[in-house]
Amino acid sequence: MTSTTTTTAPAADLAPLRVGLVATNAGPIGGRDSHAIEVLTASAEVFATDREVIVEILRVAAADDIDRVIEQMTNAGVTVVFTTCDGTLTQDIVEHVADAGLLAVTSCAALPASPLTPGSRNVIDLASLSDHAQVLADHLSDIGVSAPAFLRSTLVGDVERSCLDTERRLAATHAVRSVASASFGGIVEGADDVILTNAAELVAADAFVVCALPGALGEAIDTIRTAGFAQPVYVPWFGSSERFADTTTDVFILAPASVFGDDPSADLKAVFARLTSGEEDAADAVIADAFVSVIQAAAASGSIGSGAIERQLLVQAEAATGVLTIDADTRRPINRNYRVIEMRGATGSVVDITSTGS
């Protein structure tokens, strides 16, 4: 996606917005993950106008499109940090990251067994540093990283807690490799849960963008909630244009309501417009308004995931747009010329809200 947005300098009085990109499928980052990256980049273009945005890419499977991802993120005014918890931070990815002057962090011992990987001052192996918190703090200071987003709170004392133990690390790695051998880009029940549990423990973020096949996302949402997000307002949302018509990937944005600032509706509409035609139209605006109002009401009442929010959203969107064409068996839109917002609650229910568009 080529950005034409001009971002202004972040406001000094706002803390950085830390966003984790969790690409859980086993395919390359240029595959289904690219949908999440487009969502994330569009979001960053909106949020970076009034605050710094730090993007933590928590899982990558190949270096194919790393350069493109870095370019998109940096053009959107975003600070990028690459991390991993499942053995996928391979040497080719490390080289791309280091060459770009970005920070790469691993806890999977996939790199040479040294606290600091030789030749790459921007690459840190947390597994080697679990007993050397001060060494890590000193090194980060040396390379100009004063407040890395991948630690939960403070450097000293938190490194050991942030690192994954060997058993869980191997479990995550095994899950990914098993899926990769079964089908390109696939994911199985439970694999999302393993990866997201570990990722949530490793990285402290204000919001997550999750890209995965349908099936385990309800569990994934609950996992992230229990990992420290108290009553997050999740925005499971796939702004779709024609090129995404055949995808089976759901892209979710999970975030507390505070992430969206004083006017959540304006933020959502702006991001949604960037994901479709590039210009907001009346149908987009109506759907975004309905979506935000229902999400906020559900968050206030604690009814997220109960099914009530899906029913409310369904009624509001159908009444507003007059268009709701869903295949009864697949729960996917029948018409190919569509824009879609999907919701998958903790119960696993799915609602597709569609409107005609160019």
Foldseek 3Di string as FASTA:
>chain_A
DDDPADADAAAPPDAEAEEEEAELFLAACPPLVVLLLLLVLLLLLLLRNHHAYEYEHEDGQDCPCVVVSVVSQVVSRYAYEYEYLALRCAPVVLVVQQVVVHAYEYQLCNADLDQAGPPRLRYGHLVNCLVPLVVVCVSCVVSPNNDDQQFAHDRPPGSNQLHDDNVLSNVLNVQSVVNVVVDHRAHDAPNLLSRLLSSLSRGDGQKYKYKHAADHVLVSVVSNCVSDNPLWLKFFWRWDELVCLPDRMTIIMIHHPPSCPPCNLVSQQSSSCSRYVVDGDPLSSQLSVQLVVLSVVCSVVVCFQVCPSLVSSVVSSCVRAVDAAADPVPRGHPDSQWTWTWDQTSVRDIHTRIHGDD
